[in-house]
Amino acid sequence: MRGIRILQGLVLVCILMIPVLIIVFLKTFGTNHYDIPILFEDGVENPFGECDVNETGQHFIPDFELISQQGLPLGRKDMEGKITIVDFFFTSCPSICPVMSTEMERVDDAFRNREDVQIFSISIDPEYDTPEVLSDYAVRHNATPGKWHFLTGDKEAIYNLARCGFILPTIDGYGEPDDFVHSDKFVLVDEYGRIRGYYSGTNRDDVDLLILETKILLHGK
């Protein structure tokens, strides 16, 4: 009888310990951590010396100022304290730009009510893409005023910004739409001006990932 009582006592202790073990397990393993990488922490490779970049330390988006579709100056200083999603495009693009802009509409809509998220779509054909042209383009794509900015400006400055600031390949088409070469990537930049990710603007799943990781950065703030 004594042995049975001891066994019953051990069983009761085990039963009582189950909730405790579950709580310990959940506290130890139940918290999900999703870290967004910080890119170019060790600098940017610059084998031909064409860019004025930090080759050994954290890369930050450099200072720049362009003109918005409203004819207002907008640039690096306006990125401070905000998450900025950036792409390079041009309004007469016959290939990937229409898809990119349609996908960017989804990004715009996802953060329509967040003042700390903005979009910069920068034209690589600034000679054609005047503020007036960009304004019409913004209306066609239902861009949220004050959130989704379409930018134009000095061509050399824009190409240098794309290659050396956002680390994206960009080639001038010299007025021929079929000859312009630019990346389809959307660039996620945090409130400190650090690049946190690249996402294909022609791939819906990639854009979904961009939206998710933007929300995670917002939660982290």
Protein backbone atom coordinates (compact mmCIF):
# COMPACT_ATOMS: atom_id res chain seq x y z
CA MET A 1 0.00 0.00 0.00
CA ARG A 2 2.81 2.34 0.90
CA GLY A 3 4.39 1.82 -2.53
CA ILE A 4 1.10 2.53 -4.27
CA ARG A 5 0.67 5.77 -2.33
CA ILE A 6 4.18 6.88 -3.25
CA LEU A 7 3.44 6.10 -6.90
CA GLN A 8 0.16 8.01 -6.73
CA GLY A 9 1.99 10.95 -5.17
CA LEU A 10 4.55 10.99 -7.98
CA VAL A 11 1.81 10.88 -10.60
CA LEU A 12 0.03 13.81 -8.92
CA VAL A 13 3.26 15.82 -8.82
CA CYS A 14 3.82 15.15 -12.54
CA ILE A 15 0.27 16.25 -13.36
CA LEU A 16 0.69 19.44 -11.34
CA MET A 17 4.02 20.15 -13.07
CA ILE A 18 2.56 20.02 -16.60
CA PRO A 19 1.20 23.61 -16.60
CA VAL A 20 4.49 24.87 -15.18
CA LEU A 21 6.46 23.09 -17.89
CA ILE A 22 4.16 24.47 -20.59
CA ILE A 23 4.66 28.03 -19.30
CA VAL A 24 8.45 27.58 -19.20
CA PHE A 25 8.40 26.17 -22.73
CA LEU A 26 6.34 29.05 -24.09
CA LYS A 27 8.51 31.66 -22.40
CA THR A 28 11.66 30.00 -23.69
CA PHE A 29 10.65 29.00 -27.21
CA GLY A 30 7.33 30.70 -27.87
CA THR A 31 8.63 34.18 -28.78
CA ASN A 32 9.26 34.62 -32.48
CA HIS A 33 12.17 36.85 -33.49
CA TYR A 34 12.35 38.21 -37.05
CA ASP A 35 15.43 40.28 -37.64
CA ILE A 36 15.65 42.49 -40.75
CA PRO A 37 19.29 42.58 -41.86
CA ILE A 38 21.22 45.83 -42.06
CA LEU A 39 22.99 45.78 -45.41
CA PHE A 40 26.48 47.11 -46.16
CA GLU A 41 27.57 47.23 -42.52
CA ASP A 42 31.16 46.63 -43.68
CA GLY A 43 31.08 49.15 -46.48
CA VAL A 44 30.39 49.03 -50.21
CA GLU A 45 32.67 47.38 -52.75
CA ASN A 46 34.05 50.08 -55.04
CA PRO A 47 36.62 48.37 -57.28
CA PHE A 48 36.73 51.11 -59.94
CA GLY A 49 36.62 54.02 -57.51
CA GLU A 50 33.61 55.55 -59.27
CA CYS A 51 31.66 56.13 -56.08
CA ASP A 52 32.41 58.29 -53.07
CA VAL A 53 31.33 55.67 -50.53
CA ASN A 54 32.46 54.27 -47.22
CA GLU A 55 34.35 51.09 -48.10
CA THR A 56 34.96 49.93 -44.54
CA GLY A 57 32.04 51.04 -42.35
CA GLN A 58 28.24 51.28 -42.42
CA HIS A 59 26.87 52.65 -45.70
CA PHE A 60 24.19 55.32 -45.41
CA ILE A 61 22.14 56.93 -48.17
CA PRO A 62 24.06 60.11 -49.06
CA ASP A 63 22.69 63.62 -49.10
CA PHE A 64 20.60 64.55 -52.15
CA GLU A 65 17.80 66.89 -53.14
CA LEU A 66 15.39 66.43 -56.06
CA ILE A 67 12.08 67.96 -57.17
CA SER A 68 8.71 66.32 -56.52
CA GLN A 69 5.68 66.14 -58.81
CA GLN A 70 4.42 69.19 -56.95
CA GLY A 71 7.55 71.12 -57.85
CA LEU A 72 8.82 71.05 -54.26
CA PRO A 73 12.34 70.12 -53.10
CA LEU A 74 12.56 66.71 -51.47
CA GLY A 75 15.57 64.64 -50.51
CA ARG A 76 17.69 62.91 -47.93
CA LYS A 77 16.75 65.21 -45.06
CA ASP A 78 13.10 64.26 -45.58
CA MET A 79 13.96 60.58 -45.00
CA GLU A 80 15.11 61.19 -41.44
CA GLY A 81 12.86 59.48 -38.91
CA LYS A 82 10.80 57.76 -41.60
CA ILE A 83 10.90 54.42 -43.38
CA THR A 84 11.31 55.11 -47.09
CA ILE A 85 10.69 52.69 -49.95
CA VAL A 86 12.55 53.72 -53.11
CA ASP A 87 12.50 52.68 -56.74
CA PHE A 88 13.95 54.02 -59.99
CA PHE A 89 11.70 54.18 -63.05
CA PHE A 90 10.62 56.41 -65.93
CA THR A 91 7.12 57.18 -67.16
CA SER A 92 7.71 56.19 -70.81
CA CYS A 93 9.20 52.83 -69.84
CA PRO A 94 7.80 50.15 -72.19
CA SER A 95 8.71 47.10 -70.09
CA ILE A 96 8.95 46.66 -66.32
CA CYS A 97 7.92 50.09 -65.01
CA PRO A 98 4.15 49.70 -65.46
CA VAL A 99 4.28 46.47 -63.43
CA MET A 100 6.49 48.09 -60.79
CA SER A 101 4.17 51.06 -60.43
CA THR A 102 1.13 48.80 -60.14
CA GLU A 103 2.87 46.83 -57.39
CA MET A 104 3.92 50.05 -55.69
CA GLU A 105 0.23 50.99 -55.58
CA ARG A 106 -0.23 48.04 -53.23
CA VAL A 107 2.60 49.29 -51.02
CA ASP A 108 1.10 52.78 -50.99
CA ASP A 109 -2.29 51.38 -50.03
CA ALA A 110 -0.83 49.18 -47.27
CA PHE A 111 0.65 52.21 -45.47
CA ARG A 112 -1.88 54.84 -46.49
CA ASN A 113 -2.52 55.79 -42.86
CA ARG A 114 1.08 55.65 -41.64
CA GLU A 115 2.79 59.04 -41.62
CA ASP A 116 6.14 57.40 -40.86
CA VAL A 117 6.25 55.47 -44.15
CA GLN A 118 6.81 57.16 -47.51
CA ILE A 119 7.68 56.21 -51.09
CA PHE A 120 10.22 57.84 -53.42
CA SER A 121 9.89 56.90 -57.11
CA ILE A 122 12.84 58.55 -58.85
CA SER A 123 12.87 59.08 -62.61
CA ILE A 124 15.97 58.10 -64.57
CA ASP A 125 14.69 60.11 -67.56
CA PRO A 126 14.41 63.54 -65.94
CA GLU A 127 14.61 65.41 -69.25
CA TYR A 128 11.20 64.00 -70.21
CA ASP A 129 9.79 63.41 -66.73
CA THR A 130 9.09 66.96 -65.64
CA PRO A 131 7.07 67.63 -62.48
CA GLU A 132 3.98 68.05 -64.67
CA VAL A 133 4.50 64.66 -66.35
CA LEU A 134 5.13 63.03 -62.98
CA SER A 135 2.02 64.66 -61.53
CA ASP A 136 -0.14 63.10 -64.26
CA TYR A 137 1.57 59.75 -63.69
CA ALA A 138 0.91 59.97 -59.94
CA VAL A 139 -2.79 60.56 -60.57
CA ARG A 140 -2.96 57.55 -62.93
CA HIS A 141 -1.52 55.34 -60.19
CA ASN A 142 -3.69 56.71 -57.37
CA ALA A 143 -0.66 57.92 -55.42
CA THR A 144 -1.47 59.13 -51.92
CA PRO A 145 -0.58 62.86 -51.76
CA GLY A 146 2.22 63.55 -49.33
CA LYS A 147 3.21 59.89 -49.13
CA TRP A 148 4.12 58.62 -52.60
CA HIS A 149 6.52 61.15 -54.12
CA PHE A 150 7.69 61.09 -57.76
CA LEU A 151 11.05 62.81 -58.11
CA THR A 152 13.04 64.36 -60.93
CA GLY A 153 16.14 66.53 -61.15
CA ASP A 154 19.67 66.64 -62.48
CA LYS A 155 20.36 63.51 -64.55
CA GLU A 156 23.98 63.04 -63.46
CA ALA A 157 23.04 63.42 -59.81
CA ILE A 158 20.22 60.87 -60.17
CA TYR A 159 22.42 58.26 -61.84
CA ASN A 160 25.13 58.76 -59.26
CA LEU A 161 22.52 58.42 -56.50
CA ALA A 162 21.19 55.17 -57.99
CA ARG A 163 24.62 53.58 -58.43
CA CYS A 164 26.47 54.90 -55.41
CA GLY A 165 23.70 55.72 -52.95
CA PHE A 166 21.19 52.92 -53.42
CA ILE A 167 23.75 50.53 -55.01
CA LEU A 168 21.62 49.78 -58.07
CA PRO A 169 22.77 49.35 -61.70
CA THR A 170 21.51 52.16 -63.93
CA ILE A 171 22.43 52.95 -67.56
CA ASP A 172 21.37 56.00 -69.56
CA GLY A 173 19.26 55.31 -72.66
CA TYR A 174 19.91 58.80 -74.07
CA GLY A 175 16.28 59.41 -74.88
CA GLU A 176 15.50 55.96 -76.28
CA PRO A 177 13.08 54.16 -73.91
CA ASP A 178 14.23 50.71 -75.00
CA ASP A 179 17.86 51.55 -74.19
CA PHE A 180 17.45 52.63 -70.57
CA VAL A 181 18.62 49.97 -68.12
CA HIS A 182 17.58 50.09 -64.49
CA SER A 183 16.87 47.70 -61.64
CA ASP A 184 13.40 46.39 -60.86
CA LYS A 185 14.22 46.49 -57.15
CA PHE A 186 12.29 48.29 -54.45
CA VAL A 187 14.74 49.43 -51.76
CA LEU A 188 13.73 49.46 -48.10
CA VAL A 189 15.52 52.21 -46.16
CA ASP A 190 15.14 52.67 -42.42
CA GLU A 191 14.77 55.88 -40.45
CA TYR A 192 18.55 56.19 -40.13
CA GLY A 193 19.22 55.96 -43.87
CA ARG A 194 20.46 52.36 -43.86
CA ILE A 195 19.41 49.92 -46.58
CA ARG A 196 17.50 47.02 -45.06
CA GLY A 197 16.46 45.03 -48.14
CA TYR A 198 15.92 44.73 -51.89
CA TYR A 199 12.72 43.31 -53.37
CA SER A 200 11.70 42.70 -56.97
CA GLY A 201 9.02 45.17 -57.93
CA THR A 202 7.77 42.80 -60.62
CA ASN A 203 7.22 39.89 -58.26
CA ARG A 204 4.06 39.93 -56.14
CA ASP A 205 5.51 37.60 -53.49
CA ASP A 206 8.57 39.81 -53.13
CA VAL A 207 6.39 42.88 -52.71
CA ASP A 208 4.34 41.03 -50.09
CA LEU A 209 7.62 40.37 -48.26
CA LEU A 210 8.53 44.06 -48.51
CA ILE A 211 5.18 45.02 -46.95
CA LEU A 212 5.68 42.47 -44.16
CA GLU A 213 9.24 43.57 -43.36
CA THR A 214 8.22 47.23 -43.42
CA LYS A 215 5.59 46.43 -40.80
CA ILE A 216 8.21 44.61 -38.73
CA LEU A 217 10.49 47.66 -38.86
CA LEU A 218 7.57 49.83 -37.77
CA HIS A 219 6.91 47.48 -34.85
CA GLY A 220 10.57 47.69 -33.90
CA LYS A 221 10.38 51.48 -33.78
